Amino acid sequence: MDRSLLVAFSIAILVFSCAKGIPMHRKDAEINFFQCRALSLKLNEIARDLYNKVEPPNITANISDPPVSIRQIDGCDPWSLETNKETCQSRIILALRNYTSIFHKDGVFKNSACSEWRGQANEISDVTENLLRALKQPAMDRPSNTVSWHVWWHDSALCRDSVERVYSFSIMSARVFSFLAAPHAPKRENKQC
């Protein structure tokens, strides 16, 4: 066999075998779930602290436009995350955008009954923006106009409601990102009762 043909054949086999070992470029391969886990745990820590500080209001208010929440159908349970994390991830992204808007420096905690917690609210906004960036999503420059509709007597109810919701969300998102960051998540058995 001709030596140049043998070298070309060897190079072709080497290139083919190397190419086989390289993972295909996928969108989720770019996401650093370890960073997401760290940020979601930080969000949980700040949200828990704020939850313990913001008092429930003395009045009740009907919050007609609640923030985005994670529902059962969003597939954020371990069994669904093993097969399709995109549905849960897209819902988390919507919630992060919503909480970034609410806790932003120009959001609900600005010049209201909630203003004494503005510093921690801004920390929550910073973490949610960083989580959006870690998920390869654009961060918001300013909140949407939907947070300016509130009136002063709704403020205390609105800030407590927002804090309760972000705290609940932070627990769920920390669990999701901890699961996704696990190097070898154990397979779950779906046992029937």
N, C-alpha and C. Protein backbone atom coordinates (compact mmCIF):
# COMPACT_ATOMS: atom_id res chain seq x y z
N MET A 1 0.84 -1.17 0.00
CA MET A 1 0.00 0.00 0.00
C MET A 1 0.90 1.24 0.00
N ASP A 2 0.50 2.24 -0.75
CA ASP A 2 1.25 3.48 -0.85
C ASP A 2 1.28 4.17 0.52
N ARG A 3 2.48 4.65 0.91
CA ARG A 3 2.66 5.25 2.23
C ARG A 3 1.77 6.49 2.40
N SER A 4 1.63 7.34 1.39
CA SER A 4 0.80 8.54 1.50
C SER A 4 -0.68 8.16 1.65
N LEU A 5 -1.09 7.08 1.01
CA LEU A 5 -2.47 6.61 1.16
C LEU A 5 -2.70 6.07 2.57
N LEU A 6 -1.70 5.39 3.13
CA LEU A 6 -1.78 4.86 4.48
C LEU A 6 -1.85 6.01 5.50
N VAL A 7 -1.04 7.06 5.31
CA VAL A 7 -1.07 8.22 6.20
C VAL A 7 -2.43 8.91 6.11
N ALA A 8 -2.96 9.09 4.91
CA ALA A 8 -4.25 9.74 4.73
C ALA A 8 -5.36 8.91 5.38
N PHE A 9 -5.29 7.60 5.22
CA PHE A 9 -6.28 6.70 5.83
C PHE A 9 -6.21 6.78 7.36
N SER A 10 -4.99 6.81 7.91
CA SER A 10 -4.81 6.91 9.37
C SER A 10 -5.34 8.24 9.90
N ILE A 11 -5.08 9.31 9.19
CA ILE A 11 -5.57 10.62 9.61
C ILE A 11 -7.10 10.65 9.57
N ALA A 12 -7.68 10.07 8.52
CA ALA A 12 -9.14 10.04 8.42
C ALA A 12 -9.75 9.26 9.58
N ILE A 13 -9.15 8.13 9.95
CA ILE A 13 -9.66 7.34 11.08
C ILE A 13 -9.50 8.13 12.38
N LEU A 14 -8.36 8.81 12.55
CA LEU A 14 -8.13 9.59 13.75
C LEU A 14 -9.14 10.74 13.85
N VAL A 15 -9.37 11.44 12.75
CA VAL A 15 -10.32 12.55 12.75
C VAL A 15 -11.73 12.04 13.04
N PHE A 16 -12.12 10.93 12.43
CA PHE A 16 -13.44 10.38 12.65
C PHE A 16 -13.63 9.95 14.10
N SER A 17 -12.63 9.27 14.67
CA SER A 17 -12.77 8.81 16.05
C SER A 17 -12.77 9.98 17.03
N CYS A 18 -12.01 11.04 16.76
CA CYS A 18 -12.02 12.23 17.63
C CYS A 18 -13.35 12.95 17.51
N ALA A 19 -13.84 13.08 16.30
CA ALA A 19 -15.10 13.78 16.08
C ALA A 19 -16.25 13.05 16.77
N LYS A 20 -16.17 11.73 16.82
CA LYS A 20 -17.21 10.96 17.47
C LYS A 20 -17.26 11.25 18.98
N GLY A 21 -16.13 11.55 19.58
CA GLY A 21 -16.07 11.80 21.02
C GLY A 21 -16.45 13.20 21.42
N ILE A 22 -16.52 14.12 20.47
CA ILE A 22 -16.85 15.51 20.77
C ILE A 22 -18.37 15.65 20.81
N PRO A 23 -18.91 16.16 21.90
CA PRO A 23 -20.36 16.30 21.96
C PRO A 23 -20.86 17.33 20.95
N MET A 24 -22.05 17.09 20.46
CA MET A 24 -22.68 18.03 19.54
C MET A 24 -22.97 19.33 20.29
N HIS A 25 -22.89 20.46 19.60
CA HIS A 25 -23.18 21.75 20.21
C HIS A 25 -24.68 21.83 20.50
N ARG A 26 -25.00 21.99 21.78
CA ARG A 26 -26.39 22.12 22.19
C ARG A 26 -26.53 23.37 23.04
N LYS A 27 -27.71 23.95 23.00
CA LYS A 27 -27.97 25.19 23.73
C LYS A 27 -27.75 25.00 25.23
N ASP A 28 -28.24 23.89 25.80
CA ASP A 28 -28.12 23.70 27.25
C ASP A 28 -26.71 23.35 27.67
N ALA A 29 -25.83 22.98 26.72
CA ALA A 29 -24.45 22.68 27.07
C ALA A 29 -23.71 23.96 27.49
N GLU A 30 -24.22 25.11 27.06
CA GLU A 30 -23.60 26.38 27.40
C GLU A 30 -23.97 26.85 28.80
N ILE A 31 -25.03 26.34 29.37
CA ILE A 31 -25.50 26.79 30.67
C ILE A 31 -24.69 26.12 31.77
N ASN A 32 -24.16 26.92 32.65
CA ASN A 32 -23.41 26.41 33.78
C ASN A 32 -24.37 26.24 34.96
N PHE A 33 -24.87 25.02 35.14
CA PHE A 33 -25.85 24.77 36.19
C PHE A 33 -25.24 24.87 37.58
N PHE A 34 -23.93 24.72 37.71
CA PHE A 34 -23.27 24.92 39.00
C PHE A 34 -23.39 26.39 39.41
N GLN A 35 -23.19 27.29 38.45
CA GLN A 35 -23.35 28.72 38.71
C GLN A 35 -24.80 29.04 39.03
N CYS A 36 -25.73 28.42 38.30
CA CYS A 36 -27.15 28.63 38.56
C CYS A 36 -27.51 28.15 39.96
N ARG A 37 -26.95 27.02 40.37
CA ARG A 37 -27.22 26.50 41.72
C ARG A 37 -26.70 27.49 42.77
N ALA A 38 -25.49 27.98 42.61
CA ALA A 38 -24.92 28.92 43.57
C ALA A 38 -25.75 30.20 43.65
N LEU A 39 -26.17 30.72 42.50
CA LEU A 39 -26.98 31.94 42.48
C LEU A 39 -28.36 31.70 43.08
N SER A 40 -28.96 30.55 42.80
CA SER A 40 -30.29 30.28 43.34
C SER A 40 -30.23 30.08 44.86
N LEU A 41 -29.14 29.52 45.36
CA LEU A 41 -28.98 29.39 46.82
C LEU A 41 -28.78 30.77 47.46
N LYS A 42 -28.06 31.65 46.76
CA LYS A 42 -27.89 33.02 47.26
C LYS A 42 -29.24 33.75 47.26
N LEU A 43 -30.02 33.55 46.20
CA LEU A 43 -31.36 34.14 46.14
C LEU A 43 -32.20 33.64 47.30
N ASN A 44 -32.14 32.36 47.58
CA ASN A 44 -32.90 31.79 48.69
C ASN A 44 -32.49 32.40 50.02
N GLU A 45 -31.21 32.59 50.22
CA GLU A 45 -30.71 33.17 51.47
C GLU A 45 -31.23 34.60 51.67
N ILE A 46 -31.15 35.41 50.63
CA ILE A 46 -31.61 36.80 50.71
C ILE A 46 -33.13 36.84 50.88
N ALA A 47 -33.84 36.01 50.11
CA ALA A 47 -35.31 35.99 50.17
C ALA A 47 -35.79 35.53 51.55
N ARG A 48 -35.12 34.53 52.13
CA ARG A 48 -35.51 34.05 53.46
C ARG A 48 -35.32 35.16 54.50
N ASP A 49 -34.21 35.87 54.41
CA ASP A 49 -33.95 36.97 55.34
C ASP A 49 -35.01 38.06 55.20
N LEU A 50 -35.33 38.42 53.97
CA LEU A 50 -36.35 39.45 53.73
C LEU A 50 -37.73 38.96 54.18
N TYR A 51 -38.02 37.70 53.96
CA TYR A 51 -39.28 37.10 54.39
C TYR A 51 -39.45 37.24 55.91
N ASN A 52 -38.36 37.08 56.64
CA ASN A 52 -38.42 37.19 58.10
C ASN A 52 -38.50 38.63 58.58
N LYS A 53 -38.21 39.60 57.73
CA LYS A 53 -38.23 41.00 58.13
C LYS A 53 -39.51 41.74 57.75
N VAL A 54 -40.05 41.45 56.58
CA VAL A 54 -41.22 42.19 56.09
C VAL A 54 -42.46 41.70 56.83
N GLU A 55 -43.10 42.64 57.53
CA GLU A 55 -44.28 42.29 58.33
C GLU A 55 -45.50 42.12 57.43
N PRO A 56 -46.38 41.21 57.85
CA PRO A 56 -47.67 41.13 57.14
C PRO A 56 -48.45 42.42 57.39
N PRO A 57 -49.20 42.89 56.42
CA PRO A 57 -49.94 44.14 56.59
C PRO A 57 -51.11 43.97 57.57
N ASN A 58 -51.55 45.09 58.12
CA ASN A 58 -52.70 45.08 59.02
C ASN A 58 -54.01 45.00 58.25
N ILE A 59 -53.95 45.24 56.96
CA ILE A 59 -55.15 45.17 56.13
C ILE A 59 -54.99 44.06 55.11
N THR A 60 -56.08 43.62 54.55
CA THR A 60 -55.99 42.63 53.48
C THR A 60 -56.25 43.35 52.16
N ALA A 61 -55.60 42.85 51.14
CA ALA A 61 -55.76 43.45 49.82
C ALA A 61 -55.87 42.33 48.81
N ASN A 62 -56.62 42.58 47.79
CA ASN A 62 -56.77 41.61 46.72
C ASN A 62 -55.70 41.91 45.67
N ILE A 63 -54.71 41.01 45.55
CA ILE A 63 -53.65 41.19 44.56
C ILE A 63 -54.17 40.57 43.27
N SER A 64 -54.59 41.40 42.34
CA SER A 64 -55.25 40.90 41.14
C SER A 64 -54.29 40.46 40.04
N ASP A 65 -53.06 40.90 40.10
CA ASP A 65 -52.10 40.54 39.06
C ASP A 65 -50.86 39.94 39.71
N PRO A 66 -50.95 38.69 40.16
CA PRO A 66 -49.82 38.10 40.89
C PRO A 66 -48.64 37.80 39.97
N PRO A 67 -47.45 37.71 40.56
CA PRO A 67 -46.28 37.37 39.77
C PRO A 67 -46.39 35.96 39.19
N VAL A 68 -45.57 35.69 38.22
CA VAL A 68 -45.53 34.37 37.60
C VAL A 68 -45.14 33.34 38.65
N SER A 69 -45.82 32.23 38.66
CA SER A 69 -45.47 31.16 39.60
C SER A 69 -45.21 29.87 38.82
N ILE A 70 -44.54 28.95 39.48
CA ILE A 70 -44.24 27.66 38.87
C ILE A 70 -45.39 26.72 39.22
N ARG A 71 -45.95 26.10 38.20
CA ARG A 71 -47.09 25.21 38.41
C ARG A 71 -46.66 23.76 38.23
N GLN A 72 -47.51 22.86 38.63
CA GLN A 72 -47.20 21.44 38.50
C GLN A 72 -46.98 21.04 37.04
N ILE A 73 -47.72 21.62 36.14
CA ILE A 73 -47.60 21.25 34.73
C ILE A 73 -46.31 21.76 34.08
N ASP A 74 -45.53 22.55 34.81
CA ASP A 74 -44.29 23.10 34.26
C ASP A 74 -43.14 22.11 34.27
N GLY A 75 -43.34 20.94 34.83
CA GLY A 75 -42.35 19.86 34.76
C GLY A 75 -41.06 20.14 35.51
N CYS A 76 -41.15 20.69 36.72
CA CYS A 76 -39.95 20.97 37.50
C CYS A 76 -39.64 19.87 38.51
N ASP A 77 -40.33 18.75 38.40
CA ASP A 77 -40.05 17.62 39.29
C ASP A 77 -38.88 16.82 38.72
N PRO A 78 -38.19 16.05 39.56
CA PRO A 78 -37.01 15.30 39.09
C PRO A 78 -37.29 14.39 37.90
N TRP A 79 -38.44 13.74 37.86
CA TRP A 79 -38.74 12.83 36.76
C TRP A 79 -38.84 13.58 35.44
N SER A 80 -39.48 14.74 35.47
CA SER A 80 -39.61 15.53 34.24
C SER A 80 -38.27 16.16 33.84
N LEU A 81 -37.49 16.60 34.83
CA LEU A 81 -36.20 17.22 34.53
C LEU A 81 -35.23 16.23 33.86
N GLU A 82 -35.37 14.95 34.18
CA GLU A 82 -34.49 13.94 33.57
C GLU A 82 -34.72 13.83 32.07
N THR A 83 -35.95 14.05 31.64
CA THR A 83 -36.26 13.87 30.22
C THR A 83 -36.39 15.17 29.44
N ASN A 84 -36.86 16.25 30.11
CA ASN A 84 -37.07 17.51 29.41
C ASN A 84 -37.00 18.66 30.40
N LYS A 85 -35.85 19.30 30.46
CA LYS A 85 -35.70 20.42 31.39
C LYS A 85 -36.11 21.76 30.78
N GLU A 86 -36.35 21.80 29.48
CA GLU A 86 -36.65 23.06 28.81
C GLU A 86 -37.95 23.70 29.27
N THR A 87 -38.99 22.88 29.53
CA THR A 87 -40.28 23.44 29.95
C THR A 87 -40.13 24.15 31.29
N CYS A 88 -39.51 23.48 32.24
CA CYS A 88 -39.29 24.07 33.56
C CYS A 88 -38.37 25.29 33.46
N GLN A 89 -37.32 25.15 32.69
CA GLN A 89 -36.35 26.23 32.54
C GLN A 89 -37.01 27.47 31.96
N SER A 90 -37.88 27.31 30.97
CA SER A 90 -38.53 28.48 30.37
C SER A 90 -39.47 29.16 31.38
N ARG A 91 -40.12 28.38 32.23
CA ARG A 91 -41.00 28.96 33.25
C ARG A 91 -40.18 29.69 34.33
N ILE A 92 -39.03 29.12 34.67
CA ILE A 92 -38.14 29.78 35.64
C ILE A 92 -37.66 31.11 35.07
N ILE A 93 -37.34 31.13 33.79
CA ILE A 93 -36.90 32.37 33.14
C ILE A 93 -38.00 33.44 33.20
N LEU A 94 -39.25 33.05 32.94
CA LEU A 94 -40.37 34.01 33.04
C LEU A 94 -40.49 34.55 34.46
N ALA A 95 -40.38 33.67 35.44
CA ALA A 95 -40.48 34.11 36.84
C ALA A 95 -39.31 35.02 37.20
N LEU A 96 -38.10 34.69 36.75
CA LEU A 96 -36.94 35.53 37.04
C LEU A 96 -37.12 36.94 36.46
N ARG A 97 -37.65 37.03 35.26
CA ARG A 97 -37.90 38.34 34.66
C ARG A 97 -38.92 39.12 35.49
N ASN A 98 -39.95 38.42 35.94
CA ASN A 98 -40.99 39.05 36.74
C ASN A 98 -40.42 39.55 38.07
N TYR A 99 -39.64 38.72 38.76
CA TYR A 99 -39.08 39.12 40.05
C TYR A 99 -38.02 40.20 39.89
N THR A 100 -37.28 40.18 38.79
CA THR A 100 -36.32 41.25 38.52
C THR A 100 -37.06 42.58 38.42
N SER A 101 -38.20 42.57 37.75
CA SER A 101 -39.00 43.78 37.60
C SER A 101 -39.57 44.26 38.93
N ILE A 102 -40.08 43.34 39.72
CA ILE A 102 -40.69 43.71 41.01
C ILE A 102 -39.66 44.26 41.99
N PHE A 103 -38.49 43.60 42.09
CA PHE A 103 -37.50 43.96 43.10
C PHE A 103 -36.44 44.93 42.59
N HIS A 104 -36.56 45.36 41.34
CA HIS A 104 -35.64 46.32 40.74
C HIS A 104 -35.64 47.62 41.54
N LYS A 105 -34.57 48.41 41.42
CA LYS A 105 -34.48 49.67 42.17
C LYS A 105 -35.62 50.63 41.85
N ASP A 106 -36.26 50.48 40.69
CA ASP A 106 -37.41 51.31 40.32
C ASP A 106 -38.71 50.53 40.43
N GLY A 107 -38.70 49.41 41.15
CA GLY A 107 -39.88 48.56 41.27
C GLY A 107 -40.74 48.89 42.47
N VAL A 108 -41.41 47.90 42.98
CA VAL A 108 -42.37 48.04 44.06
C VAL A 108 -41.76 48.62 45.33
N PHE A 109 -40.48 48.33 45.61
CA PHE A 109 -39.87 48.74 46.87
C PHE A 109 -39.31 50.15 46.85
N LYS A 110 -39.59 50.89 45.80
CA LYS A 110 -39.11 52.28 45.70
C LYS A 110 -40.19 53.22 46.21
N ASN A 111 -39.83 54.12 47.11
CA ASN A 111 -40.73 55.17 47.61
C ASN A 111 -42.11 54.65 48.00
N SER A 112 -42.15 53.67 48.84
CA SER A 112 -43.43 53.12 49.28
C SER A 112 -43.29 52.66 50.72
N ALA A 113 -44.32 52.00 51.19
CA ALA A 113 -44.27 51.43 52.54
C ALA A 113 -43.19 50.36 52.63
N CYS A 114 -42.72 49.88 51.50
CA CYS A 114 -41.70 48.83 51.43
C CYS A 114 -40.29 49.38 51.34
N SER A 115 -40.14 50.70 51.28
CA SER A 115 -38.83 51.29 50.98
C SER A 115 -37.75 50.97 52.00
N GLU A 116 -38.11 50.65 53.23
CA GLU A 116 -37.08 50.33 54.23
C GLU A 116 -36.34 49.03 53.89
N TRP A 117 -36.92 48.22 53.01
CA TRP A 117 -36.27 46.97 52.59
C TRP A 117 -35.73 47.08 51.16
N ARG A 118 -35.63 48.30 50.66
CA ARG A 118 -35.19 48.52 49.28
C ARG A 118 -33.82 47.92 48.99
N GLY A 119 -32.89 48.02 49.94
CA GLY A 119 -31.54 47.48 49.73
C GLY A 119 -31.55 45.99 49.47
N GLN A 120 -32.28 45.25 50.29
CA GLN A 120 -32.36 43.80 50.08
C GLN A 120 -33.16 43.46 48.83
N ALA A 121 -34.17 44.26 48.54
CA ALA A 121 -34.94 44.04 47.31
C ALA A 121 -34.03 44.20 46.10
N ASN A 122 -33.16 45.20 46.13
CA ASN A 122 -32.22 45.41 45.03
C ASN A 122 -31.23 44.25 44.92
N GLU A 123 -30.83 43.67 46.06
CA GLU A 123 -29.97 42.49 46.03
C GLU A 123 -30.67 41.32 45.34
N ILE A 124 -31.96 41.16 45.62
CA ILE A 124 -32.73 40.10 44.96
C ILE A 124 -32.74 40.34 43.46
N SER A 125 -32.97 41.59 43.07
CA SER A 125 -32.98 41.93 41.64
C SER A 125 -31.62 41.64 41.00
N ASP A 126 -30.54 41.96 41.70
CA ASP A 126 -29.20 41.69 41.16
C ASP A 126 -28.98 40.19 40.95
N VAL A 127 -29.41 39.39 41.92
CA VAL A 127 -29.23 37.94 41.80
C VAL A 127 -30.10 37.37 40.69
N THR A 128 -31.36 37.84 40.58
CA THR A 128 -32.22 37.33 39.52
C THR A 128 -31.68 37.72 38.15
N GLU A 129 -31.12 38.93 38.03
CA GLU A 129 -30.49 39.33 36.76
C GLU A 129 -29.29 38.44 36.45
N ASN A 130 -28.47 38.13 37.46
CA ASN A 130 -27.32 37.25 37.25
C ASN A 130 -27.76 35.84 36.87
N LEU A 131 -28.86 35.38 37.46
CA LEU A 131 -29.39 34.07 37.08
C LEU A 131 -29.87 34.08 35.63
N LEU A 132 -30.51 35.15 35.22
CA LEU A 132 -30.93 35.26 33.82
C LEU A 132 -29.72 35.21 32.89
N ARG A 133 -28.66 35.93 33.25
CA ARG A 133 -27.44 35.89 32.42
C ARG A 133 -26.84 34.49 32.39
N ALA A 134 -26.83 33.80 33.54
CA ALA A 134 -26.29 32.43 33.59
C ALA A 134 -27.12 31.49 32.73
N LEU A 135 -28.40 31.80 32.57
CA LEU A 135 -29.28 31.00 31.72
C LEU A 135 -29.27 31.50 30.28
N LYS A 136 -28.31 32.37 29.97
CA LYS A 136 -28.13 32.93 28.61
C LYS A 136 -29.34 33.74 28.15
N GLN A 137 -29.90 34.49 29.09
CA GLN A 137 -31.05 35.35 28.80
C GLN A 137 -30.65 36.79 29.08
N PRO A 138 -31.21 37.74 28.33
CA PRO A 138 -30.88 39.15 28.60
C PRO A 138 -31.49 39.61 29.91
N ALA A 139 -30.74 40.41 30.64
CA ALA A 139 -31.24 41.00 31.88
C ALA A 139 -32.00 42.27 31.53
N MET A 140 -32.91 42.66 32.40
CA MET A 140 -33.73 43.84 32.16
C MET A 140 -33.00 45.09 32.63
N ASP A 141 -33.13 46.18 31.87
CA ASP A 141 -32.53 47.45 32.28
C ASP A 141 -33.39 48.17 33.31
N ARG A 142 -34.69 48.07 33.15
CA ARG A 142 -35.61 48.73 34.06
C ARG A 142 -36.89 47.90 34.12
N PRO A 143 -37.67 48.08 35.18
CA PRO A 143 -38.90 47.28 35.29
C PRO A 143 -39.95 47.73 34.29
N SER A 144 -40.86 46.83 34.04
CA SER A 144 -41.96 47.18 33.14
C SER A 144 -42.90 48.15 33.86
N ASN A 145 -43.80 48.76 33.12
CA ASN A 145 -44.72 49.74 33.69
C ASN A 145 -45.77 49.11 34.60
N THR A 146 -45.86 47.79 34.61
CA THR A 146 -46.91 47.14 35.41
C THR A 146 -46.70 47.32 36.90
N VAL A 147 -45.49 47.63 37.35
CA VAL A 147 -45.27 47.78 38.78
C VAL A 147 -45.59 49.18 39.28
N SER A 148 -45.96 50.11 38.40
CA SER A 148 -46.23 51.47 38.86
C SER A 148 -47.72 51.71 39.14
N TRP A 149 -48.53 50.70 38.97
CA TRP A 149 -49.97 50.90 39.15
C TRP A 149 -50.39 50.94 40.61
N HIS A 150 -49.57 50.45 41.50
CA HIS A 150 -50.00 50.31 42.89
C HIS A 150 -50.20 51.67 43.56
N VAL A 151 -51.03 51.67 44.58
CA VAL A 151 -51.28 52.87 45.35
C VAL A 151 -50.74 52.65 46.75
N TRP A 152 -50.53 53.70 47.49
CA TRP A 152 -49.82 53.62 48.76
C TRP A 152 -50.43 52.63 49.74
N TRP A 153 -51.76 52.49 49.80
CA TRP A 153 -52.37 51.60 50.79
C TRP A 153 -52.26 50.13 50.38
N HIS A 154 -51.93 49.86 49.14
CA HIS A 154 -51.67 48.48 48.70
C HIS A 154 -50.22 48.08 48.91
N ASP A 155 -49.35 49.05 49.09
CA ASP A 155 -47.91 48.78 49.13
C ASP A 155 -47.51 47.72 50.13
N SER A 156 -47.98 47.83 51.37
CA SER A 156 -47.55 46.88 52.38
C SER A 156 -48.03 45.48 52.05
N ALA A 157 -49.23 45.34 51.52
CA ALA A 157 -49.73 44.02 51.10
C ALA A 157 -48.95 43.51 49.90
N LEU A 158 -48.65 44.41 48.97
CA LEU A 158 -47.95 44.02 47.76
C LEU A 158 -46.50 43.60 48.05
N CYS A 159 -45.83 44.33 48.93
CA CYS A 159 -44.45 43.94 49.21
C CYS A 159 -44.41 42.63 49.97
N ARG A 160 -45.30 42.40 50.92
CA ARG A 160 -45.32 41.12 51.65
C ARG A 160 -45.66 39.98 50.69
N ASP A 161 -46.65 40.18 49.83
CA ASP A 161 -47.02 39.15 48.85
C ASP A 161 -45.83 38.83 47.93
N SER A 162 -45.14 39.85 47.47
CA SER A 162 -43.98 39.65 46.58
C SER A 162 -42.86 38.90 47.30
N VAL A 163 -42.63 39.24 48.56
CA VAL A 163 -41.58 38.58 49.33
C VAL A 163 -41.93 37.11 49.56
N GLU A 164 -43.20 36.83 49.89
CA GLU A 164 -43.61 35.44 50.09
C GLU A 164 -43.43 34.63 48.82
N ARG A 165 -43.80 35.23 47.70
CA ARG A 165 -43.71 34.51 46.42
C ARG A 165 -42.25 34.29 45.99
N VAL A 166 -41.40 35.29 46.15
CA VAL A 166 -40.00 35.11 45.74
C VAL A 166 -39.31 34.11 46.66
N TYR A 167 -39.68 34.08 47.92
CA TYR A 167 -39.09 33.10 48.84
C TYR A 167 -39.49 31.68 48.43
N SER A 168 -40.76 31.49 48.13
CA SER A 168 -41.23 30.19 47.67
C SER A 168 -40.54 29.79 46.36
N PHE A 169 -40.46 30.74 45.43
CA PHE A 169 -39.78 30.49 44.16
C PHE A 169 -38.31 30.14 44.36
N SER A 170 -37.66 30.83 45.29
CA SER A 170 -36.23 30.59 45.51
C SER A 170 -35.97 29.18 46.02
N ILE A 171 -36.87 28.65 46.82
CA ILE A 171 -36.73 27.27 47.30
C ILE A 171 -36.83 26.30 46.13
N MET A 172 -37.85 26.50 45.30
CA MET A 172 -38.05 25.61 44.15
C MET A 172 -36.90 25.71 43.16
N SER A 173 -36.46 26.92 42.84
CA SER A 173 -35.39 27.06 41.85
C SER A 173 -34.08 26.50 42.37
N ALA A 174 -33.82 26.63 43.67
CA ALA A 174 -32.60 26.03 44.24
C ALA A 174 -32.64 24.51 44.11
N ARG A 175 -33.80 23.93 44.30
CA ARG A 175 -33.93 22.47 44.15
C ARG A 175 -33.72 22.05 42.69
N VAL A 176 -34.31 22.80 41.77
CA VAL A 176 -34.17 22.46 40.35
C VAL A 176 -32.70 22.56 39.92
N PHE A 177 -32.04 23.66 40.25
CA PHE A 177 -30.65 23.83 39.81
C PHE A 177 -29.70 22.91 40.56
N SER A 178 -30.01 22.55 41.79
CA SER A 178 -29.19 21.56 42.49
C SER A 178 -29.31 20.21 41.80
N PHE A 179 -30.50 19.86 41.37
CA PHE A 179 -30.71 18.60 40.65
C PHE A 179 -29.97 18.63 39.32
N LEU A 180 -30.10 19.74 38.58
CA LEU A 180 -29.46 19.83 37.26
C LEU A 180 -27.94 19.91 37.36
N ALA A 181 -27.42 20.42 38.47
CA ALA A 181 -25.97 20.54 38.64
C ALA A 181 -25.34 19.25 39.15
N ALA A 182 -26.17 18.33 39.64
CA ALA A 182 -25.63 17.06 40.16
C ALA A 182 -24.96 16.32 39.01
N PRO A 183 -23.72 15.84 39.21
CA PRO A 183 -23.00 15.19 38.12
C PRO A 183 -23.71 13.95 37.58
N HIS A 184 -24.25 13.16 38.44
CA HIS A 184 -24.98 11.98 38.01
C HIS A 184 -26.24 11.88 38.86
N ALA A 185 -27.27 12.55 38.38
CA ALA A 185 -28.53 12.52 39.12
C ALA A 185 -29.07 11.10 39.12
N PRO A 186 -29.44 10.60 40.29
CA PRO A 186 -29.94 9.23 40.35
C PRO A 186 -31.25 9.10 39.58
N LYS A 187 -31.42 7.99 38.95
CA LYS A 187 -32.68 7.73 38.24
C LYS A 187 -33.78 7.53 39.27
N ARG A 188 -34.90 8.16 39.03
CA ARG A 188 -36.03 8.05 39.94
C ARG A 188 -36.95 6.93 39.48
N GLU A 189 -37.48 6.21 40.43
CA GLU A 189 -38.46 5.20 40.11
C GLU A 189 -39.85 5.79 40.34
N ASN A 190 -40.71 5.61 39.38
CA ASN A 190 -42.07 6.10 39.49
C ASN A 190 -42.94 4.96 39.97
N LYS A 191 -43.07 4.83 41.28
CA LYS A 191 -43.83 3.73 41.85
C LYS A 191 -45.30 4.10 41.99
N GLN A 192 -46.15 3.18 41.65
CA GLN A 192 -47.57 3.36 41.82
C GLN A 192 -47.98 2.89 43.21
N CYS A 193 -48.95 3.54 43.81
CA CYS A 193 -49.44 3.13 45.14
C CYS A 193 -50.42 1.99 45.00
